[in-house]
Amino acid sequence: MTEYSVILFFSNSYSIWTSKELKKRGIDHKMVPVPRHLSSDCGYCVRIKRDETESIKSVLIEKGIEFDEIVAI
């Protein structure tokens, strides 16, 4: 069973930008609504495979994409 995390953002713009960057790099992900049990200022988050969290975090930092937090779900 694959374990996932979600990246929470401060705005929809950052979630869209992240999705585009991950797609360019061929990284498996999915834009999804923020789960109800989590709080965020944005309605969408990006779901990623948990074991790719650190490499994806590096991409976000490299591209200057601001995010709130990465939460295991």
PDB file of N, CA and C in Angstrom:
ATOM      1  N   MET A   1       0.842  -1.187   0.000  1.00  0.00           N
ATOM      2  CA  MET A   1       0.000   0.000   0.000  1.00  0.00           C
ATOM      3  C   MET A   1       0.888   1.252   0.000  1.00  0.00           C
ATOM      4  N   THR A   2       0.608   2.167  -0.895  1.00  0.00           N
ATOM      5  CA  THR A   2       1.374   3.405  -0.992  1.00  0.00           C
ATOM      6  C   THR A   2       0.922   4.372   0.085  1.00  0.00           C
ATOM      7  N   GLU A   3       1.889   4.982   0.753  1.00  0.00           N
ATOM      8  CA  GLU A   3       1.585   6.003   1.754  1.00  0.00           C
ATOM      9  C   GLU A   3       1.784   7.369   1.113  1.00  0.00           C
ATOM     10  N   TYR A   4       0.908   8.308   1.479  1.00  0.00           N
ATOM     11  CA  TYR A   4       0.934   9.627   0.869  1.00  0.00           C
ATOM     12  C   TYR A   4       1.112  10.730   1.904  1.00  0.00           C
ATOM     13  N   SER A   5       1.550  11.863   1.395  1.00  0.00           N
ATOM     14  CA  SER A   5       1.587  13.115   2.140  1.00  0.00           C
ATOM     15  C   SER A   5       0.920  14.164   1.271  1.00  0.00           C
ATOM     16  N   VAL A   6       0.495  15.258   1.882  1.00  0.00           N
ATOM     17  CA  VAL A   6      -0.027  16.386   1.116  1.00  0.00           C
ATOM     18  C   VAL A   6       0.781  17.626   1.451  1.00  0.00           C
ATOM     19  N   ILE A   7       0.966  18.449   0.429  1.00  0.00           N
ATOM     20  CA  ILE A   7       1.648  19.725   0.594  1.00  0.00           C
ATOM     21  C   ILE A   7       0.566  20.792   0.670  1.00  0.00           C
ATOM     22  N   LEU A   8       0.550  21.530   1.775  1.00  0.00           N
ATOM     23  CA  LEU A   8      -0.423  22.604   1.970  1.00  0.00           C
ATOM     24  C   LEU A   8       0.221  23.930   1.599  1.00  0.00           C
ATOM     25  N   PHE A   9      -0.564  24.790   0.960  1.00  0.00           N
ATOM     26  CA  PHE A   9      -0.060  26.070   0.463  1.00  0.00           C
ATOM     27  C   PHE A   9      -0.865  27.232   1.019  1.00  0.00           C
ATOM     28  N   PHE A  10      -0.300  28.437   0.865  1.00  0.00           N
ATOM     29  CA  PHE A  10      -0.977  29.649   1.311  1.00  0.00           C
ATOM     30  C   PHE A  10      -1.949  30.172   0.250  1.00  0.00           C
ATOM     31  N   SER A  11      -1.782  29.718  -1.015  1.00  0.00           N
ATOM     32  CA  SER A  11      -2.694  30.151  -2.073  1.00  0.00           C
ATOM     33  C   SER A  11      -2.767  29.095  -3.166  1.00  0.00           C
ATOM     34  N   ASN A  12      -3.841  29.154  -3.940  1.00  0.00           N
ATOM     35  CA  ASN A  12      -4.004  28.221  -5.048  1.00  0.00           C
ATOM     36  C   ASN A  12      -2.899  28.369  -6.080  1.00  0.00           C
ATOM     37  N   SER A  13      -2.373  29.568  -6.235  1.00  0.00           N
ATOM     38  CA  SER A  13      -1.306  29.798  -7.216  1.00  0.00           C
ATOM     39  C   SER A  13      -0.109  28.898  -6.952  1.00  0.00           C
ATOM     40  N   TYR A  14       0.260  28.752  -5.682  1.00  0.00           N
ATOM     41  CA  TYR A  14       1.412  27.917  -5.351  1.00  0.00           C
ATOM     42  C   TYR A  14       1.125  26.434  -5.599  1.00  0.00           C
ATOM     43  N   SER A  15      -0.107  26.007  -5.371  1.00  0.00           N
ATOM     44  CA  SER A  15      -0.425  24.595  -5.629  1.00  0.00           C
ATOM     45  C   SER A  15      -0.373  24.308  -7.131  1.00  0.00           C
ATOM     46  N   ILE A  16      -0.857  25.234  -7.949  1.00  0.00           N
ATOM     47  CA  ILE A  16      -0.810  25.067  -9.405  1.00  0.00           C
ATOM     48  C   ILE A  16       0.633  25.094  -9.893  1.00  0.00           C
ATOM     49  N   TRP A  17       1.429  26.019  -9.395  1.00  0.00           N
ATOM     50  CA  TRP A  17       2.835  26.136  -9.778  1.00  0.00           C
ATOM     51  C   TRP A  17       3.582  24.834  -9.421  1.00  0.00           C
ATOM     52  N   THR A  18       3.319  24.314  -8.235  1.00  0.00           N
ATOM     53  CA  THR A  18       3.958  23.066  -7.808  1.00  0.00           C
ATOM     54  C   THR A  18       3.582  21.929  -8.735  1.00  0.00           C
ATOM     55  N   SER A  19       2.312  21.813  -9.065  1.00  0.00           N
ATOM     56  CA  SER A  19       1.862  20.750  -9.953  1.00  0.00           C
ATOM     57  C   SER A  19       2.570  20.834 -11.302  1.00  0.00           C
ATOM     58  N   LYS A  20       2.699  22.026 -11.834  1.00  0.00           N
ATOM     59  CA  LYS A  20       3.396  22.209 -13.123  1.00  0.00           C
ATOM     60  C   LYS A  20       4.860  21.801 -13.034  1.00  0.00           C
ATOM     61  N   GLU A  21       5.525  22.196 -11.950  1.00  0.00           N
ATOM     62  CA  GLU A  21       6.935  21.850 -11.784  1.00  0.00           C
ATOM     63  C   GLU A  21       7.140  20.345 -11.628  1.00  0.00           C
ATOM     64  N   LEU A  22       6.272  19.699 -10.853  1.00  0.00           N
ATOM     65  CA  LEU A  22       6.396  18.253 -10.657  1.00  0.00           C
ATOM     66  C   LEU A  22       6.102  17.512 -11.958  1.00  0.00           C
ATOM     67  N   LYS A  23       5.142  18.009 -12.732  1.00  0.00           N
ATOM     68  CA  LYS A  23       4.816  17.387 -14.019  1.00  0.00           C
ATOM     69  C   LYS A  23       6.008  17.477 -14.965  1.00  0.00           C
ATOM     70  N   LYS A  24       6.662  18.646 -15.031  1.00  0.00           N
ATOM     71  CA  LYS A  24       7.843  18.820 -15.885  1.00  0.00           C
ATOM     72  C   LYS A  24       8.928  17.807 -15.554  1.00  0.00           C
ATOM     73  N   ARG A  25       9.037  17.464 -14.279  1.00  0.00           N
ATOM     74  CA  ARG A  25      10.082  16.555 -13.809  1.00  0.00           C
ATOM     75  C   ARG A  25       9.642  15.085 -13.799  1.00  0.00           C
ATOM     76  N   GLY A  26       8.407  14.833 -14.221  1.00  0.00           N
ATOM     77  CA  GLY A  26       7.897  13.469 -14.278  1.00  0.00           C
ATOM     78  C   GLY A  26       7.645  12.852 -12.909  1.00  0.00           C
ATOM     79  N   ILE A  27       7.374  13.701 -11.906  1.00  0.00           N
ATOM     80  CA  ILE A  27       7.130  13.224 -10.543  1.00  0.00           C
ATOM     81  C   ILE A  27       5.634  12.995 -10.355  1.00  0.00           C
ATOM     82  N   ASP A  28       5.292  11.783  -9.933  1.00  0.00           N
ATOM     83  CA  ASP A  28       3.899  11.408  -9.715  1.00  0.00           C
ATOM     84  C   ASP A  28       3.291  12.241  -8.583  1.00  0.00           C
ATOM     85  N   HIS A  29       2.145  12.856  -8.845  1.00  0.00           N
ATOM     86  CA  HIS A  29       1.448  13.684  -7.861  1.00  0.00           C
ATOM     87  C   HIS A  29       0.007  13.871  -8.311  1.00  0.00           C
ATOM     88  N   LYS A  30      -0.794  14.480  -7.455  1.00  0.00           N
ATOM     89  CA  LYS A  30      -2.180  14.780  -7.815  1.00  0.00           C
ATOM     90  C   LYS A  30      -2.648  15.993  -7.021  1.00  0.00           C
ATOM     91  N   MET A  31      -3.310  16.932  -7.703  1.00  0.00           N
ATOM     92  CA  MET A  31      -3.934  18.060  -7.001  1.00  0.00           C
ATOM     93  C   MET A  31      -5.260  17.577  -6.445  1.00  0.00           C
ATOM     94  N   VAL A  32      -5.467  17.807  -5.153  1.00  0.00           N
ATOM     95  CA  VAL A  32      -6.688  17.359  -4.484  1.00  0.00           C
ATOM     96  C   VAL A  32      -7.179  18.461  -3.540  1.00  0.00           C
ATOM     97  N   PRO A  33      -8.468  18.435  -3.184  1.00  0.00           N
ATOM     98  CA  PRO A  33      -8.941  19.373  -2.166  1.00  0.00           C
ATOM     99  C   PRO A  33      -8.242  19.082  -0.831  1.00  0.00           C
ATOM    100  N   VAL A  34      -8.035  20.117  -0.045  1.00  0.00           N
ATOM    101  CA  VAL A  34      -7.417  19.931   1.274  1.00  0.00           C
ATOM    102  C   VAL A  34      -8.348  19.060   2.119  1.00  0.00           C
ATOM    103  N   PRO A  35      -7.834  17.969   2.697  1.00  0.00           N
ATOM    104  CA  PRO A  35      -8.678  17.136   3.560  1.00  0.00           C
ATOM    105  C   PRO A  35      -9.301  17.959   4.689  1.00  0.00           C
ATOM    106  N   ARG A  36     -10.524  17.649   5.024  1.00  0.00           N
ATOM    107  CA  ARG A  36     -11.264  18.448   6.022  1.00  0.00           C
ATOM    108  C   ARG A  36     -10.597  18.489   7.387  1.00  0.00           C
ATOM    109  N   HIS A  37      -9.879  17.433   7.749  1.00  0.00           N
ATOM    110  CA  HIS A  37      -9.264  17.404   9.083  1.00  0.00           C
ATOM    111  C   HIS A  37      -7.988  18.246   9.155  1.00  0.00           C
ATOM    112  N   LEU A  38      -7.575  18.828   8.020  1.00  0.00           N
ATOM    113  CA  LEU A  38      -6.399  19.702   7.999  1.00  0.00           C
ATOM    114  C   LEU A  38      -6.843  21.133   7.743  1.00  0.00           C
ATOM    115  N   SER A  39      -6.088  22.070   8.242  1.00  0.00           N
ATOM    116  CA  SER A  39      -6.440  23.470   7.988  1.00  0.00           C
ATOM    117  C   SER A  39      -5.410  24.085   7.060  1.00  0.00           C
ATOM    118  N   SER A  40      -5.874  24.974   6.211  1.00  0.00           N
ATOM    119  CA  SER A  40      -5.003  25.679   5.275  1.00  0.00           C
ATOM    120  C   SER A  40      -5.747  26.900   4.763  1.00  0.00           C
ATOM    121  N   ASP A  41      -4.995  27.883   4.282  1.00  0.00           N
ATOM    122  CA  ASP A  41      -5.604  29.073   3.698  1.00  0.00           C
ATOM    123  C   ASP A  41      -6.000  28.826   2.242  1.00  0.00           C
ATOM    124  N   CYS A  42      -5.712  27.655   1.741  1.00  0.00           N
ATOM    125  CA  CYS A  42      -5.934  27.339   0.339  1.00  0.00           C
ATOM    126  C   CYS A  42      -6.851  26.128   0.223  1.00  0.00           C
ATOM    127  N   GLY A  43      -7.675  26.089  -0.809  1.00  0.00           N
ATOM    128  CA  GLY A  43      -8.606  24.990  -0.987  1.00  0.00           C
ATOM    129  C   GLY A  43      -8.018  23.753  -1.627  1.00  0.00           C
ATOM    130  N   TYR A  44      -6.836  23.866  -2.239  1.00  0.00           N
ATOM    131  CA  TYR A  44      -6.216  22.729  -2.900  1.00  0.00           C
ATOM    132  C   TYR A  44      -4.838  22.455  -2.337  1.00  0.00           C
ATOM    133  N   CYS A  45      -4.480  21.174  -2.403  1.00  0.00           N
ATOM    134  CA  CYS A  45      -3.142  20.767  -1.992  1.00  0.00           C
ATOM    135  C   CYS A  45      -2.626  19.788  -3.036  1.00  0.00           C
ATOM    136  N   VAL A  46      -1.378  19.412  -2.910  1.00  0.00           N
ATOM    137  CA  VAL A  46      -0.778  18.458  -3.836  1.00  0.00           C
ATOM    138  C   VAL A  46      -0.441  17.196  -3.057  1.00  0.00           C
ATOM    139  N   ARG A  47      -1.004  16.065  -3.514  1.00  0.00           N
ATOM    140  CA  ARG A  47      -0.729  14.784  -2.877  1.00  0.00           C
ATOM    141  C   ARG A  47       0.486  14.153  -3.547  1.00  0.00           C
ATOM    142  N   ILE A  48       1.421  13.684  -2.715  1.00  0.00           N
ATOM    143  CA  ILE A  48       2.652  13.067  -3.208  1.00  0.00           C
ATOM    144  C   ILE A  48       2.881  11.751  -2.473  1.00  0.00           C
ATOM    145  N   LYS A  49       3.736  10.913  -3.047  1.00  0.00           N
ATOM    146  CA  LYS A  49       4.132   9.695  -2.350  1.00  0.00           C
ATOM    147  C   LYS A  49       5.035  10.104  -1.188  1.00  0.00           C
ATOM    148  N   ARG A  50       4.773   9.551  -0.025  1.00  0.00           N
ATOM    149  CA  ARG A  50       5.493   9.939   1.183  1.00  0.00           C
ATOM    150  C   ARG A  50       7.001   9.748   1.054  1.00  0.00           C
ATOM    151  N   ASP A  51       7.423   8.690   0.351  1.00  0.00           N
ATOM    152  CA  ASP A  51       8.861   8.433   0.246  1.00  0.00           C
ATOM    153  C   ASP A  51       9.582   9.408  -0.687  1.00  0.00           C
ATOM    154  N   GLU A  52       8.840  10.288  -1.367  1.00  0.00           N
ATOM    155  CA  GLU A  52       9.440  11.304  -2.234  1.00  0.00           C
ATOM    156  C   GLU A  52       9.421  12.697  -1.594  1.00  0.00           C
ATOM    157  N   THR A  53       9.020  12.776  -0.349  1.00  0.00           N
ATOM    158  CA  THR A  53       8.845  14.068   0.318  1.00  0.00           C
ATOM    159  C   THR A  53      10.106  14.929   0.283  1.00  0.00           C
ATOM    160  N   GLU A  54      11.238  14.375   0.662  1.00  0.00           N
ATOM    161  CA  GLU A  54      12.464  15.186   0.742  1.00  0.00           C
ATOM    162  C   GLU A  54      12.913  15.690  -0.625  1.00  0.00           C
ATOM    163  N   SER A  55      12.827  14.850  -1.656  1.00  0.00           N
ATOM    164  CA  SER A  55      13.247  15.292  -2.990  1.00  0.00           C
ATOM    165  C   SER A  55      12.293  16.364  -3.525  1.00  0.00           C
ATOM    166  N   ILE A  56      11.005  16.227  -3.242  1.00  0.00           N
ATOM    167  CA  ILE A  56      10.034  17.229  -3.687  1.00  0.00           C
ATOM    168  C   ILE A  56      10.213  18.522  -2.904  1.00  0.00           C
ATOM    169  N   LYS A  57      10.497  18.424  -1.632  1.00  0.00           N
ATOM    170  CA  LYS A  57      10.762  19.621  -0.820  1.00  0.00           C
ATOM    171  C   LYS A  57      11.945  20.387  -1.401  1.00  0.00           C
ATOM    172  N   SER A  58      12.959  19.673  -1.866  1.00  0.00           N
ATOM    173  CA  SER A  58      14.119  20.312  -2.492  1.00  0.00           C
ATOM    174  C   SER A  58      13.726  21.072  -3.755  1.00  0.00           C
ATOM    175  N   VAL A  59      12.812  20.497  -4.544  1.00  0.00           N
ATOM    176  CA  VAL A  59      12.329  21.170  -5.754  1.00  0.00           C
ATOM    177  C   VAL A  59      11.620  22.463  -5.375  1.00  0.00           C
ATOM    178  N   LEU A  60      10.765  22.406  -4.356  1.00  0.00           N
ATOM    179  CA  LEU A  60      10.031  23.601  -3.930  1.00  0.00           C
ATOM    180  C   LEU A  60      10.982  24.709  -3.495  1.00  0.00           C
ATOM    181  N   ILE A  61      11.985  24.336  -2.731  1.00  0.00           N
ATOM    182  CA  ILE A  61      12.963  25.325  -2.259  1.00  0.00           C
ATOM    183  C   ILE A  61      13.757  25.890  -3.428  1.00  0.00           C
ATOM    184  N   GLU A  62      14.197  25.005  -4.322  1.00  0.00           N
ATOM    185  CA  GLU A  62      14.971  25.433  -5.497  1.00  0.00           C
ATOM    186  C   GLU A  62      14.197  26.437  -6.346  1.00  0.00           C
ATOM    187  N   LYS A  63      12.897  26.194  -6.537  1.00  0.00           N
ATOM    188  CA  LYS A  63      12.071  27.063  -7.376  1.00  0.00           C
ATOM    189  C   LYS A  63      11.482  28.248  -6.618  1.00  0.00           C
ATOM    190  N   GLY A  64      11.677  28.324  -5.314  1.00  0.00           N
ATOM    191  CA  GLY A  64      11.140  29.433  -4.531  1.00  0.00           C
ATOM    192  C   GLY A  64       9.641  29.346  -4.325  1.00  0.00           C
ATOM    193  N   ILE A  65       9.109  28.137  -4.331  1.00  0.00           N
ATOM    194  CA  ILE A  65       7.673  27.935  -4.141  1.00  0.00           C
ATOM    195  C   ILE A  65       7.385  27.856  -2.644  1.00  0.00           C
ATOM    196  N   GLU A  66       6.589  28.799  -2.169  1.00  0.00           N
ATOM    197  CA  GLU A  66       6.260  28.834  -0.742  1.00  0.00           C
ATOM    198  C   GLU A  66       5.155  27.839  -0.425  1.00  0.00           C
ATOM    199  N   PHE A  67       5.330  27.130   0.684  1.00  0.00           N
ATOM    200  CA  PHE A  67       4.304  26.186   1.124  1.00  0.00           C
ATOM    201  C   PHE A  67       4.156  26.301   2.631  1.00  0.00           C
ATOM    202  N   ASP A  68       3.004  25.899   3.129  1.00  0.00           N
ATOM    203  CA  ASP A  68       2.707  25.967   4.551  1.00  0.00           C
ATOM    204  C   ASP A  68       3.373  24.812   5.273  1.00  0.00           C
ATOM    205  N   GLU A  69       3.013  23.584   4.905  1.00  0.00           N
ATOM    206  CA  GLU A  69       3.612  22.402   5.513  1.00  0.00           C
ATOM    207  C   GLU A  69       3.347  21.178   4.642  1.00  0.00           C
ATOM    208  N   ILE A  70       4.072  20.116   4.955  1.00  0.00           N
ATOM    209  CA  ILE A  70       3.863  18.825   4.309  1.00  0.00           C
ATOM    210  C   ILE A  70       3.392  17.871   5.407  1.00  0.00           C
ATOM    211  N   VAL A  71       2.205  17.273   5.198  1.00  0.00           N
ATOM    212  CA  VAL A  71       1.561  16.465   6.220  1.00  0.00           C
ATOM    213  C   VAL A  71       1.334  15.046   5.701  1.00  0.00           C
ATOM    214  N   ALA A  72       1.732  14.047   6.500  1.00  0.00           N
ATOM    215  CA  ALA A  72       1.454  12.658   6.152  1.00  0.00           C
ATOM    216  C   ALA A  72      -0.042  12.393   6.332  1.00  0.00           C
ATOM    217  N   ILE A  73      -0.620  11.693   5.378  1.00  0.00           N
ATOM    218  CA  ILE A  73      -2.054  11.356   5.490  1.00  0.00           C
ATOM    219  C   ILE A  73      -2.226   9.846   5.425  1.00  0.00           C
TER     220      ILE A  73
END
